[in-house]
PDB file of all heavy atoms in Angstrom:
ATOM      1  N   ILE A   1       4.701   2.090  -5.733  1.00  0.00           N
ATOM      2  CA  ILE A   1       5.778   3.054  -5.992  1.00  0.00           C
ATOM      3  C   ILE A   1       5.638   4.245  -5.048  1.00  0.00           C
ATOM      4  O   ILE A   1       6.629   4.746  -4.492  1.00  0.00           O
ATOM      5  CB  ILE A   1       5.742   3.514  -7.465  1.00  0.00           C
ATOM      6  CG1 ILE A   1       6.193   2.371  -8.386  1.00  0.00           C
ATOM      7  CG2 ILE A   1       6.612   4.746  -7.676  1.00  0.00           C
ATOM      8  CD1 ILE A   1       5.993   2.656  -9.859  1.00  0.00           C
ATOM      9  N   PHE A   2       4.409   4.691  -4.842  1.00  0.00           N
ATOM     10  CA  PHE A   2       4.159   5.822  -3.950  1.00  0.00           C
ATOM     11  C   PHE A   2       4.486   5.453  -2.508  1.00  0.00           C
ATOM     12  O   PHE A   2       5.038   6.266  -1.758  1.00  0.00           O
ATOM     13  CB  PHE A   2       2.708   6.266  -4.078  1.00  0.00           C
ATOM     14  CG  PHE A   2       2.427   7.639  -3.530  1.00  0.00           C
ATOM     15  CD1 PHE A   2       3.312   8.688  -3.721  1.00  0.00           C
ATOM     16  CD2 PHE A   2       1.253   7.895  -2.835  1.00  0.00           C
ATOM     17  CE1 PHE A   2       3.044   9.961  -3.230  1.00  0.00           C
ATOM     18  CE2 PHE A   2       0.976   9.158  -2.339  1.00  0.00           C
ATOM     19  CZ  PHE A   2       1.875  10.191  -2.528  1.00  0.00           C
ATOM     20  N   ARG A   3       4.153   4.228  -2.118  1.00  0.00           N
ATOM     21  CA  ARG A   3       4.486   3.767  -0.769  1.00  0.00           C
ATOM     22  C   ARG A   3       6.002   3.858  -0.539  1.00  0.00           C
ATOM     23  O   ARG A   3       6.467   4.377   0.475  1.00  0.00           O
ATOM     24  CB  ARG A   3       4.029   2.311  -0.567  1.00  0.00           C
ATOM     25  CG  ARG A   3       4.269   1.780   0.859  1.00  0.00           C
ATOM     26  CD  ARG A   3       4.245   0.255   0.908  1.00  0.00           C
ATOM     27  NE  ARG A   3       2.988  -0.316   0.458  1.00  0.00           N
ATOM     28  CZ  ARG A   3       1.925  -0.533   1.237  1.00  0.00           C
ATOM     29  NH1 ARG A   3       1.999  -0.227   2.525  1.00  0.00           N
ATOM     30  NH2 ARG A   3       0.828  -1.065   0.735  1.00  0.00           N
ATOM     31  N   LYS A   4       6.761   3.339  -1.508  1.00  0.00           N
ATOM     32  CA  LYS A   4       8.221   3.354  -1.408  1.00  0.00           C
ATOM     33  C   LYS A   4       8.746   4.785  -1.352  1.00  0.00           C
ATOM     34  O   LYS A   4       9.666   5.099  -0.574  1.00  0.00           O
ATOM     35  CB  LYS A   4       8.825   2.608  -2.586  1.00  0.00           C
ATOM     36  CG  LYS A   4      10.346   2.499  -2.541  1.00  0.00           C
ATOM     37  CD  LYS A   4      10.872   1.684  -3.717  1.00  0.00           C
ATOM     38  CE  LYS A   4      12.398   1.578  -3.671  1.00  0.00           C
ATOM     39  NZ  LYS A   4      12.913   0.768  -4.814  1.00  0.00           N
ATOM     40  N   ARG A   5       8.155   5.657  -2.163  1.00  0.00           N
ATOM     41  CA  ARG A   5       8.606   7.044  -2.176  1.00  0.00           C
ATOM     42  C   ARG A   5       8.353   7.724  -0.833  1.00  0.00           C
ATOM     43  O   ARG A   5       9.209   8.446  -0.310  1.00  0.00           O
ATOM     44  CB  ARG A   5       7.892   7.812  -3.288  1.00  0.00           C
ATOM     45  CG  ARG A   5       8.385   9.250  -3.400  1.00  0.00           C
ATOM     46  CD  ARG A   5       7.669  10.020  -4.482  1.00  0.00           C
ATOM     47  NE  ARG A   5       8.051  11.424  -4.421  1.00  0.00           N
ATOM     48  CZ  ARG A   5       7.349  12.412  -4.932  1.00  0.00           C
ATOM     49  NH1 ARG A   5       6.219  12.155  -5.569  1.00  0.00           N
ATOM     50  NH2 ARG A   5       7.758  13.655  -4.809  1.00  0.00           N
ATOM     51  N   LEU A   6       7.171   7.518  -0.271  1.00  0.00           N
ATOM     52  CA  LEU A   6       6.846   8.138   1.014  1.00  0.00           C
ATOM     53  C   LEU A   6       7.759   7.631   2.125  1.00  0.00           C
ATOM     54  O   LEU A   6       8.178   8.403   2.998  1.00  0.00           O
ATOM     55  CB  LEU A   6       5.375   7.872   1.366  1.00  0.00           C
ATOM     56  CG  LEU A   6       4.349   8.581   0.484  1.00  0.00           C
ATOM     57  CD1 LEU A   6       2.939   8.118   0.829  1.00  0.00           C
ATOM     58  CD2 LEU A   6       4.461  10.094   0.623  1.00  0.00           C
ATOM     59  N   LYS A   7       8.068   6.364   2.084  1.00  0.00           N
ATOM     60  CA  LYS A   7       9.017   5.828   3.063  1.00  0.00           C
ATOM     61  C   LYS A   7      10.372   6.502   2.905  1.00  0.00           C
ATOM     62  O   LYS A   7      11.049   6.805   3.901  1.00  0.00           O
ATOM     63  CB  LYS A   7       9.152   4.316   2.902  1.00  0.00           C
ATOM     64  CG  LYS A   7       7.946   3.520   3.405  1.00  0.00           C
ATOM     65  CD  LYS A   7       8.201   2.021   3.287  1.00  0.00           C
ATOM     66  CE  LYS A   7       7.065   1.213   3.889  1.00  0.00           C
ATOM     67  NZ  LYS A   7       7.323  -0.258   3.798  1.00  0.00           N
ATOM     68  N   GLY A   8      10.777   6.747   1.673  1.00  0.00           N
ATOM     69  CA  GLY A   8      12.042   7.428   1.419  1.00  0.00           C
ATOM     70  C   GLY A   8      12.052   8.862   1.913  1.00  0.00           C
ATOM     71  O   GLY A   8      13.113   9.425   2.195  1.00  0.00           O
ATOM     72  N   LEU A   9      10.856   9.451   2.046  1.00  0.00           N
ATOM     73  CA  LEU A   9      10.730  10.810   2.582  1.00  0.00           C
ATOM     74  C   LEU A   9      10.657  10.821   4.101  1.00  0.00           C
ATOM     75  O   LEU A   9      10.495  11.878   4.712  1.00  0.00           O
ATOM     76  CB  LEU A   9       9.481  11.488   2.000  1.00  0.00           C
ATOM     77  CG  LEU A   9       9.503  11.768   0.500  1.00  0.00           C
ATOM     78  CD1 LEU A   9       8.175  12.346   0.042  1.00  0.00           C
ATOM     79  CD2 LEU A   9      10.643  12.708   0.138  1.00  0.00           C
ATOM     80  N   GLY A  10      10.748   9.627   4.703  1.00  0.00           N
ATOM     81  CA  GLY A  10      10.743   9.544   6.155  1.00  0.00           C
ATOM     82  C   GLY A  10       9.396   9.249   6.775  1.00  0.00           C
ATOM     83  O   GLY A  10       9.267   9.233   8.008  1.00  0.00           O
ATOM     84  N   LYS A  11       8.382   9.010   5.943  1.00  0.00           N
ATOM     85  CA  LYS A  11       7.065   8.681   6.476  1.00  0.00           C
ATOM     86  C   LYS A  11       6.997   7.196   6.859  1.00  0.00           C
ATOM     87  O   LYS A  11       7.644   6.353   6.222  1.00  0.00           O
ATOM     88  CB  LYS A  11       5.973   8.979   5.439  1.00  0.00           C
ATOM     89  CG  LYS A  11       5.959  10.408   4.922  1.00  0.00           C
ATOM     90  CD  LYS A  11       5.623  11.419   5.999  1.00  0.00           C
ATOM     91  CE  LYS A  11       5.511  12.823   5.425  1.00  0.00           C
ATOM     92  NZ  LYS A  11       5.199  13.840   6.461  1.00  0.00           N
ATOM     93  N   GLN A  12       6.230   6.902   7.875  1.00  0.00           N
ATOM     94  CA  GLN A  12       5.962   5.505   8.237  1.00  0.00           C
ATOM     95  C   GLN A  12       4.706   5.078   7.498  1.00  0.00           C
ATOM     96  O   GLN A  12       3.633   5.638   7.717  1.00  0.00           O
ATOM     97  CB  GLN A  12       5.759   5.350   9.740  1.00  0.00           C
ATOM     98  CG  GLN A  12       5.441   3.909  10.168  1.00  0.00           C
ATOM     99  CD  GLN A  12       5.226   3.765  11.661  1.00  0.00           C
ATOM    100  OE1 GLN A  12       5.715   4.568  12.450  1.00  0.00           O
ATOM    101  NE2 GLN A  12       4.481   2.745  12.061  1.00  0.00           N
ATOM    102  N   VAL A  13       4.834   4.099   6.622  1.00  0.00           N
ATOM    103  CA  VAL A  13       3.698   3.650   5.814  1.00  0.00           C
ATOM    104  C   VAL A  13       3.411   2.186   6.143  1.00  0.00           C
ATOM    105  O   VAL A  13       4.124   1.282   5.701  1.00  0.00           O
ATOM    106  CB  VAL A  13       3.978   3.817   4.307  1.00  0.00           C
ATOM    107  CG1 VAL A  13       2.706   3.528   3.518  1.00  0.00           C
ATOM    108  CG2 VAL A  13       4.473   5.227   4.002  1.00  0.00           C
ATOM    109  N   ASP A  14       2.385   1.970   6.933  1.00  0.00           N
ATOM    110  CA  ASP A  14       1.976   0.617   7.297  1.00  0.00           C
ATOM    111  C   ASP A  14       0.966   0.080   6.278  1.00  0.00           C
ATOM    112  O   ASP A  14       0.611   0.761   5.321  1.00  0.00           O
ATOM    113  CB  ASP A  14       1.378   0.610   8.706  1.00  0.00           C
ATOM    114  CG  ASP A  14       2.396   0.996   9.775  1.00  0.00           C
ATOM    115  OD1 ASP A  14       3.607   0.817   9.526  1.00  0.00           O
ATOM    116  OD2 ASP A  14       1.990   1.474  10.841  1.00  0.00           O
ATOM    117  N   GLY A  15       0.496  -1.137   6.511  1.00  0.00           N
ATOM    118  CA  GLY A  15      -0.439  -1.754   5.592  1.00  0.00           C
ATOM    119  C   GLY A  15       0.245  -2.802   4.738  1.00  0.00           C
ATOM    120  O   GLY A  15       1.426  -3.106   4.923  1.00  0.00           O
ATOM    121  N   TYR A  16      -0.484  -3.329   3.768  1.00  0.00           N
ATOM    122  CA  TYR A  16       0.043  -4.429   2.969  1.00  0.00           C
ATOM    123  C   TYR A  16      -0.774  -4.587   1.691  1.00  0.00           C
ATOM    124  O   TYR A  16      -1.754  -3.862   1.469  1.00  0.00           O
ATOM    125  CB  TYR A  16       0.004  -5.729   3.779  1.00  0.00           C
ATOM    126  CG  TYR A  16      -1.403  -6.185   4.169  1.00  0.00           C
ATOM    127  CD1 TYR A  16      -2.002  -7.269   3.525  1.00  0.00           C
ATOM    128  CD2 TYR A  16      -2.114  -5.554   5.189  1.00  0.00           C
ATOM    129  CE1 TYR A  16      -3.270  -7.705   3.883  1.00  0.00           C
ATOM    130  CE2 TYR A  16      -3.382  -5.981   5.554  1.00  0.00           C
ATOM    131  CZ  TYR A  16      -3.957  -7.048   4.894  1.00  0.00           C
ATOM    132  OH  TYR A  16      -5.225  -7.466   5.255  1.00  0.00           O
ATOM    133  N   VAL A  17      -0.361  -5.543   0.874  1.00  0.00           N
ATOM    134  CA  VAL A  17      -1.070  -5.878  -0.365  1.00  0.00           C
ATOM    135  C   VAL A  17      -1.909  -7.130  -0.104  1.00  0.00           C
ATOM    136  O   VAL A  17      -1.381  -8.163   0.316  1.00  0.00           O
ATOM    137  CB  VAL A  17      -0.091  -6.131  -1.522  1.00  0.00           C
ATOM    138  CG1 VAL A  17      -0.850  -6.580  -2.775  1.00  0.00           C
ATOM    139  CG2 VAL A  17       0.725  -4.877  -1.815  1.00  0.00           C
ATOM    140  N   VAL A  18      -3.202  -7.022  -0.346  1.00  0.00           N
ATOM    141  CA  VAL A  18      -4.109  -8.154  -0.151  1.00  0.00           C
ATOM    142  C   VAL A  18      -4.015  -9.058  -1.368  1.00  0.00           C
ATOM    143  O   VAL A  18      -4.304  -8.636  -2.498  1.00  0.00           O
ATOM    144  CB  VAL A  18      -5.558  -7.677   0.043  1.00  0.00           C
ATOM    145  CG1 VAL A  18      -6.475  -8.865   0.338  1.00  0.00           C
ATOM    146  CG2 VAL A  18      -5.636  -6.659   1.178  1.00  0.00           C
ATOM    147  N   GLU A  19      -3.605 -10.294  -1.156  1.00  0.00           N
ATOM    148  CA  GLU A  19      -3.388 -11.219  -2.263  1.00  0.00           C
ATOM    149  C   GLU A  19      -4.702 -11.787  -2.796  1.00  0.00           C
ATOM    150  O   GLU A  19      -5.660 -11.979  -2.065  1.00  0.00           O
ATOM    151  CB  GLU A  19      -2.487 -12.376  -1.810  1.00  0.00           C
ATOM    152  CG  GLU A  19      -1.082 -11.949  -1.420  1.00  0.00           C
ATOM    153  CD  GLU A  19      -0.297 -11.353  -2.574  1.00  0.00           C
ATOM    154  OE1 GLU A  19      -0.587 -11.724  -3.739  1.00  0.00           O
ATOM    155  OE2 GLU A  19       0.603 -10.515  -2.330  1.00  0.00           O
ATOM    156  N   GLY A  20      -4.720 -12.037  -4.119  1.00  0.00           N
ATOM    157  CA  GLY A  20      -5.824 -12.747  -4.738  1.00  0.00           C
ATOM    158  C   GLY A  20      -7.105 -11.958  -4.903  1.00  0.00           C
ATOM    159  O   GLY A  20      -8.172 -12.556  -5.104  1.00  0.00           O
ATOM    160  N   VAL A  21      -7.021 -10.632  -4.835  1.00  0.00           N
ATOM    161  CA  VAL A  21      -8.238  -9.822  -4.972  1.00  0.00           C
ATOM    162  C   VAL A  21      -8.009  -8.682  -5.957  1.00  0.00           C
ATOM    163  O   VAL A  21      -6.884  -8.233  -6.166  1.00  0.00           O
ATOM    164  CB  VAL A  21      -8.693  -9.249  -3.611  1.00  0.00           C
ATOM    165  CG1 VAL A  21      -9.008 -10.370  -2.632  1.00  0.00           C
ATOM    166  CG2 VAL A  21      -7.636  -8.304  -3.026  1.00  0.00           C
ATOM    167  N   GLY A  22      -9.102  -8.222  -6.556  1.00  0.00           N
ATOM    168  CA  GLY A  22      -9.054  -7.098  -7.467  1.00  0.00           C
ATOM    169  C   GLY A  22      -9.563  -5.833  -6.809  1.00  0.00           C
ATOM    170  O   GLY A  22      -9.893  -5.814  -5.613  1.00  0.00           O
ATOM    171  N   HIS A  23      -9.649  -4.796  -7.599  1.00  0.00           N
ATOM    172  CA  HIS A  23     -10.073  -3.486  -7.127  1.00  0.00           C
ATOM    173  C   HIS A  23     -11.451  -3.562  -6.461  1.00  0.00           C
ATOM    174  O   HIS A  23     -12.368  -4.170  -6.979  1.00  0.00           O
ATOM    175  CB  HIS A  23     -10.127  -2.524  -8.312  1.00  0.00           C
ATOM    176  CG  HIS A  23     -10.290  -1.093  -7.929  1.00  0.00           C
ATOM    177  ND1 HIS A  23      -9.230  -0.303  -7.550  1.00  0.00           N
ATOM    178  CD2 HIS A  23     -11.389  -0.302  -7.874  1.00  0.00           C
ATOM    179  CE1 HIS A  23      -9.662   0.918  -7.287  1.00  0.00           C
ATOM    180  NE2 HIS A  23     -10.968   0.946  -7.471  1.00  0.00           N
ATOM    181  N   GLY A  24     -11.564  -2.945  -5.295  1.00  0.00           N
ATOM    182  CA  GLY A  24     -12.851  -2.865  -4.604  1.00  0.00           C
ATOM    183  C   GLY A  24     -13.345  -4.189  -4.048  1.00  0.00           C
ATOM    184  O   GLY A  24     -14.544  -4.360  -3.831  1.00  0.00           O
ATOM    185  N   TRP A  25     -12.423  -5.111  -3.789  1.00  0.00           N
ATOM    186  CA  TRP A  25     -12.825  -6.448  -3.348  1.00  0.00           C
ATOM    187  C   TRP A  25     -13.664  -6.430  -2.067  1.00  0.00           C
ATOM    188  O   TRP A  25     -14.505  -7.296  -1.838  1.00  0.00           O
ATOM    189  CB  TRP A  25     -11.568  -7.301  -3.110  1.00  0.00           C
ATOM    190  CG  TRP A  25     -11.130  -7.378  -1.684  1.00  0.00           C
ATOM    191  CD1 TRP A  25     -11.400  -8.400  -0.804  1.00  0.00           C
ATOM    192  CD2 TRP A  25     -10.396  -6.398  -0.931  1.00  0.00           C
ATOM    193  NE1 TRP A  25     -10.852  -8.116   0.421  1.00  0.00           N
ATOM    194  CE2 TRP A  25     -10.246  -6.888   0.370  1.00  0.00           C
ATOM    195  CE3 TRP A  25      -9.852  -5.147  -1.245  1.00  0.00           C
ATOM    196  CZ2 TRP A  25      -9.572  -6.176   1.356  1.00  0.00           C
ATOM    197  CZ3 TRP A  25      -9.186  -4.436  -0.279  1.00  0.00           C
ATOM    198  CH2 TRP A  25      -9.049  -4.951   1.011  1.00  0.00           C
ATOM    199  N   ASP A  26     -13.463  -5.447  -1.225  1.00  0.00           N
ATOM    200  CA  ASP A  26     -14.144  -5.415   0.070  1.00  0.00           C
ATOM    201  C   ASP A  26     -15.581  -4.929  -0.027  1.00  0.00           C
ATOM    202  O   ASP A  26     -16.319  -4.983   0.958  1.00  0.00           O
ATOM    203  CB  ASP A  26     -13.384  -4.508   1.038  1.00  0.00           C
ATOM    204  CG  ASP A  26     -13.247  -3.094   0.528  1.00  0.00           C
ATOM    205  OD1 ASP A  26     -12.880  -2.919  -0.640  1.00  0.00           O
ATOM    206  OD2 ASP A  26     -13.505  -2.152   1.292  1.00  0.00           O
ATOM    207  N   LYS A  27     -16.009  -4.473  -1.207  1.00  0.00           N
ATOM    208  CA  LYS A  27     -17.357  -3.929  -1.359  1.00  0.00           C
ATOM    209  C   LYS A  27     -18.367  -4.962  -1.842  1.00  0.00           C
ATOM    210  O   LYS A  27     -19.570  -4.684  -1.891  1.00  0.00           O
ATOM    211  CB  LYS A  27     -17.335  -2.745  -2.335  1.00  0.00           C
ATOM    212  CG  LYS A  27     -16.477  -1.581  -1.852  1.00  0.00           C
ATOM    213  CD  LYS A  27     -17.037  -1.009  -0.553  1.00  0.00           C
ATOM    214  CE  LYS A  27     -16.265   0.200  -0.080  1.00  0.00           C
ATOM    215  NZ  LYS A  27     -14.918  -0.138   0.424  1.00  0.00           N
TER     216      LYS A  27
END
């Protein structure tokens, strides 16, 4: 929701949602 809001404010928001993982998966 925040990503969408920032885009609506004119910010460029790159990145994505990593599928199949939970919080802190990279640790």
